[in-house]
C-alpha atoms as a PDB file:
ATOM      1  CA  MET A   1     -25.176  11.565  -5.472  1.00  0.00           C
ATOM      2  CA  ALA A   2     -24.582  15.311  -5.391  1.00  0.00           C
ATOM      3  CA  SER A   3     -24.529  15.313  -1.591  1.00  0.00           C
ATOM      4  CA  VAL A   4     -21.479  13.034  -1.443  1.00  0.00           C
ATOM      5  CA  LEU A   5     -19.417  14.740  -4.143  1.00  0.00           C
ATOM      6  CA  PRO A   6     -16.704  17.041  -2.802  1.00  0.00           C
ATOM      7  CA  LYS A   7     -17.928  20.628  -3.074  1.00  0.00           C
ATOM      8  CA  ASP A   8     -14.395  22.011  -2.847  1.00  0.00           C
ATOM      9  CA  LYS A   9     -11.051  20.489  -3.801  1.00  0.00           C
ATOM     10  CA  ARG A  10      -9.385  21.899  -0.697  1.00  0.00           C
ATOM     11  CA  GLN A  11      -9.049  19.788   2.441  1.00  0.00           C
ATOM     12  CA  LEU A  12     -10.043  16.544   0.725  1.00  0.00           C
ATOM     13  CA  ARG A  13      -9.978  13.487   2.951  1.00  0.00           C
ATOM     14  CA  SER A  14     -10.736   9.815   2.439  1.00  0.00           C
ATOM     15  CA  CYS A  15     -12.554   7.525   4.867  1.00  0.00           C
ATOM     16  CA  MET A  16     -10.134   4.878   6.127  1.00  0.00           C
ATOM     17  CA  LEU A  17     -12.873   2.239   6.218  1.00  0.00           C
ATOM     18  CA  CYS A  18     -14.613   2.634   2.834  1.00  0.00           C
ATOM     19  CA  SER A  19     -12.317   5.140   0.993  1.00  0.00           C
ATOM     20  CA  LEU A  20     -15.099   7.666   0.186  1.00  0.00           C
ATOM     21  CA  VAL A  21     -13.528  11.060  -0.658  1.00  0.00           C
ATOM     22  CA  LYS A  22     -15.118  14.301   0.568  1.00  0.00           C
ATOM     23  CA  ASN A  23     -13.799  17.503   2.082  1.00  0.00           C
ATOM     24  CA  SER A  24     -13.383  17.755   5.844  1.00  0.00           C
ATOM     25  CA  TYR A  25     -16.424  20.038   6.204  1.00  0.00           C
ATOM     26  CA  GLN A  26     -18.668  17.435   4.531  1.00  0.00           C
ATOM     27  CA  PHE A  27     -17.390  14.688   6.843  1.00  0.00           C
ATOM     28  CA  ARG A  28     -18.048  16.912   9.888  1.00  0.00           C
ATOM     29  CA  GLN A  29     -21.541  17.843   8.646  1.00  0.00           C
ATOM     30  CA  ASN A  30     -22.748  14.461   7.361  1.00  0.00           C
ATOM     31  CA  GLY A  31     -20.267  11.835   8.501  1.00  0.00           C
ATOM     32  CA  CYS A  32     -19.557   9.051   6.021  1.00  0.00           C
ATOM     33  CA  GLU A  33     -22.615   7.909   4.087  1.00  0.00           C
ATOM     34  CA  ASN A  34     -21.282   4.335   4.082  1.00  0.00           C
ATOM     35  CA  CYS A  35     -19.857   4.090   7.595  1.00  0.00           C
ATOM     36  CA  GLU A  36     -21.687   6.570   9.845  1.00  0.00           C
ATOM     37  CA  ASP A  37     -23.347   3.871  11.966  1.00  0.00           C
ATOM     38  CA  LEU A  38     -19.909   2.431  12.724  1.00  0.00           C
ATOM     39  CA  LEU A  39     -17.547   5.426  12.799  1.00  0.00           C
ATOM     40  CA  ARG A  40     -19.885   8.165  14.119  1.00  0.00           C
ATOM     41  CA  MET A  41     -18.068  11.097  12.495  1.00  0.00           C
ATOM     42  CA  ARG A  42     -21.035  13.469  12.084  1.00  0.00           C
ATOM     43  CA  GLY A  43     -20.471  16.549  14.246  1.00  0.00           C
ATOM     44  CA  ARG A  44     -17.274  15.138  15.754  1.00  0.00           C
ATOM     45  CA  PRO A  45     -14.086  16.757  14.350  1.00  0.00           C
ATOM     46  CA  GLY A  46     -11.874  14.409  16.401  1.00  0.00           C
ATOM     47  CA  ALA A  47     -13.520  11.357  14.868  1.00  0.00           C
ATOM     48  CA  VAL A  48     -13.114  12.878  11.386  1.00  0.00           C
ATOM     49  CA  ALA A  49      -9.390  13.336  12.069  1.00  0.00           C
ATOM     50  CA  ASP A  50      -9.067   9.757  13.404  1.00  0.00           C
ATOM     51  CA  CYS A  51     -11.131   7.993  10.729  1.00  0.00           C
ATOM     52  CA  THR A  52     -10.151   9.866   7.562  1.00  0.00           C
ATOM     53  CA  SER A  53      -6.844  10.627   5.898  1.00  0.00           C
ATOM     54  CA  PRO A  54      -5.710  13.562   3.757  1.00  0.00           C
ATOM     55  CA  ILE A  55      -3.175  11.245   2.105  1.00  0.00           C
ATOM     56  CA  PHE A  56      -4.588   9.010  -0.607  1.00  0.00           C
ATOM     57  CA  ASP A  57      -3.732   7.907  -4.148  1.00  0.00           C
ATOM     58  CA  GLY A  58      -5.903   7.456  -7.197  1.00  0.00           C
ATOM     59  CA  ILE A  59      -9.574   8.239  -7.423  1.00  0.00           C
ATOM     60  CA  VAL A  60     -12.524   6.399  -8.909  1.00  0.00           C
ATOM     61  CA  ALA A  61     -15.835   8.119  -9.661  1.00  0.00           C
ATOM     62  CA  LEU A  62     -18.784   5.747  -9.325  1.00  0.00           C
ATOM     63  CA  THR A  63     -22.318   6.508 -10.443  1.00  0.00           C
ATOM     64  CA  ASN A  64     -23.617   2.937 -10.224  1.00  0.00           C
ATOM     65  CA  PRO A  65     -21.364   0.908  -7.891  1.00  0.00           C
ATOM     66  CA  ALA A  66     -23.504  -2.250  -8.054  1.00  0.00           C
ATOM     67  CA  GLU A  67     -22.940  -2.518 -11.822  1.00  0.00           C
ATOM     68  CA  SER A  68     -19.259  -1.527 -11.889  1.00  0.00           C
ATOM     69  CA  TRP A  69     -16.433  -4.053 -12.278  1.00  0.00           C
ATOM     70  CA  VAL A  70     -14.078  -1.352 -10.944  1.00  0.00           C
ATOM     71  CA  ALA A  71     -16.216  -1.156  -7.795  1.00  0.00           C
ATOM     72  CA  ARG A  72     -16.155  -4.947  -7.419  1.00  0.00           C
ATOM     73  CA  TYR A  73     -12.369  -4.991  -7.874  1.00  0.00           C
ATOM     74  CA  ASN A  74     -11.998  -2.332  -5.143  1.00  0.00           C
ATOM     75  CA  HIS A  75     -14.627  -3.979  -2.869  1.00  0.00           C
ATOM     76  CA  ILE A  76     -16.843  -0.885  -2.908  1.00  0.00           C
ATOM     77  CA  GLU A  77     -19.784  -2.204  -4.943  1.00  0.00           C
ATOM     78  CA  LYS A  78     -22.209  -1.987  -1.990  1.00  0.00           C
ATOM     79  CA  PHE A  79     -21.427   1.657  -1.203  1.00  0.00           C
ATOM     80  CA  VAL A  80     -23.152   4.886  -2.247  1.00  0.00           C
ATOM     81  CA  PRO A  81     -22.254   6.523  -5.568  1.00  0.00           C
ATOM     82  CA  GLY A  82     -19.406   9.005  -5.168  1.00  0.00           C
ATOM     83  CA  ILE A  83     -15.664   9.553  -5.434  1.00  0.00           C
ATOM     84  CA  TYR A  84     -13.428   6.871  -3.895  1.00  0.00           C
ATOM     85  CA  ALA A  85      -9.678   6.627  -3.325  1.00  0.00           C
ATOM     86  CA  SER A  86      -7.758   3.624  -4.633  1.00  0.00           C
ATOM     87  CA  TYR A  87      -5.360   3.667  -1.653  1.00  0.00           C
ATOM     88  CA  VAL A  88      -5.751   5.479   1.664  1.00  0.00           C
ATOM     89  CA  SER A  89      -2.723   6.098   3.868  1.00  0.00           C
ATOM     90  CA  GLY A  90      -3.162   5.439   7.568  1.00  0.00           C
ATOM     91  CA  ARG A  91      -5.054   3.053   9.814  1.00  0.00           C
ATOM     92  CA  LEU A  92      -8.035   3.325  12.078  1.00  0.00           C
ATOM     93  CA  PRO A  93      -7.268   3.632  15.819  1.00  0.00           C
ATOM     94  CA  PRO A  94      -7.276   0.340  17.785  1.00  0.00           C
ATOM     95  CA  ASP A  95     -10.419   1.229  19.776  1.00  0.00           C
ATOM     96  CA  ILE A  96     -12.370   1.718  16.555  1.00  0.00           C
ATOM     97  CA  VAL A  97     -11.002  -1.529  15.100  1.00  0.00           C
ATOM     98  CA  ASP A  98     -12.160  -3.273  18.305  1.00  0.00           C
ATOM     99  CA  ARG A  99     -15.650  -1.740  17.911  1.00  0.00           C
ATOM    100  CA  LEU A 100     -15.785  -2.957  14.307  1.00  0.00           C
ATOM    101  CA  GLU A 101     -14.790  -6.479  15.380  1.00  0.00           C
ATOM    102  CA  ARG A 102     -17.492  -6.472  18.067  1.00  0.00           C
ATOM    103  CA  ASN A 103     -19.947  -5.695  15.256  1.00  0.00           C
ATOM    104  CA  GLY A 104     -18.635  -8.607  13.186  1.00  0.00           C
ATOM    105  CA  ILE A 105     -16.687  -6.445  10.729  1.00  0.00           C
ATOM    106  CA  ILE A 106     -13.125  -7.328   9.809  1.00  0.00           C
ATOM    107  CA  TYR A 107     -11.103  -4.190   9.086  1.00  0.00           C
ATOM    108  CA  HIS A 108      -8.895  -4.327   6.003  1.00  0.00           C
ATOM    109  CA  PRO A 109      -6.648  -1.247   5.762  1.00  0.00           C
ATOM    110  CA  ARG A 110      -6.997   0.499   2.415  1.00  0.00           C
ATOM    111  CA  ASP A 111      -3.296   1.369   2.194  1.00  0.00           C
ATOM    112  CA  GLY A 112      -2.342  -1.736   0.225  1.00  0.00           C
ATOM    113  CA  THR A 113      -0.761  -3.540   3.182  1.00  0.00           C
ATOM    114  CA  ALA A 114      -2.022  -6.610   4.990  1.00  0.00           C
ATOM    115  CA  ASP A 115      -2.359  -6.961   8.741  1.00  0.00           C
ATOM    116  CA  GLU A 116       0.461  -8.897  10.286  1.00  0.00           C
END
């Protein structure tokens, strides 16, 4: 779990797909441990900027997501242990949403709004 915890409180960002919170350097170095196969952020600063947001509210620290009712409530019970945002401002770009749909994944924005 130590590898996904933010090492520095500066430049924190949250993944717009799973809401994992790390600093921008960690996203550039490792991508998102939950979404890397889909979002391909590792080593791509532009993808980090497109797929993460510096604006988020509330945080949840999970050590055992599969056993946590908080994780189930936030639909993050299948993700790696770490720090997660309750709400993430922003939306993934349309081309990434299209890629997700081609992979059979329905994107639900984590900003508390529903798609129209």
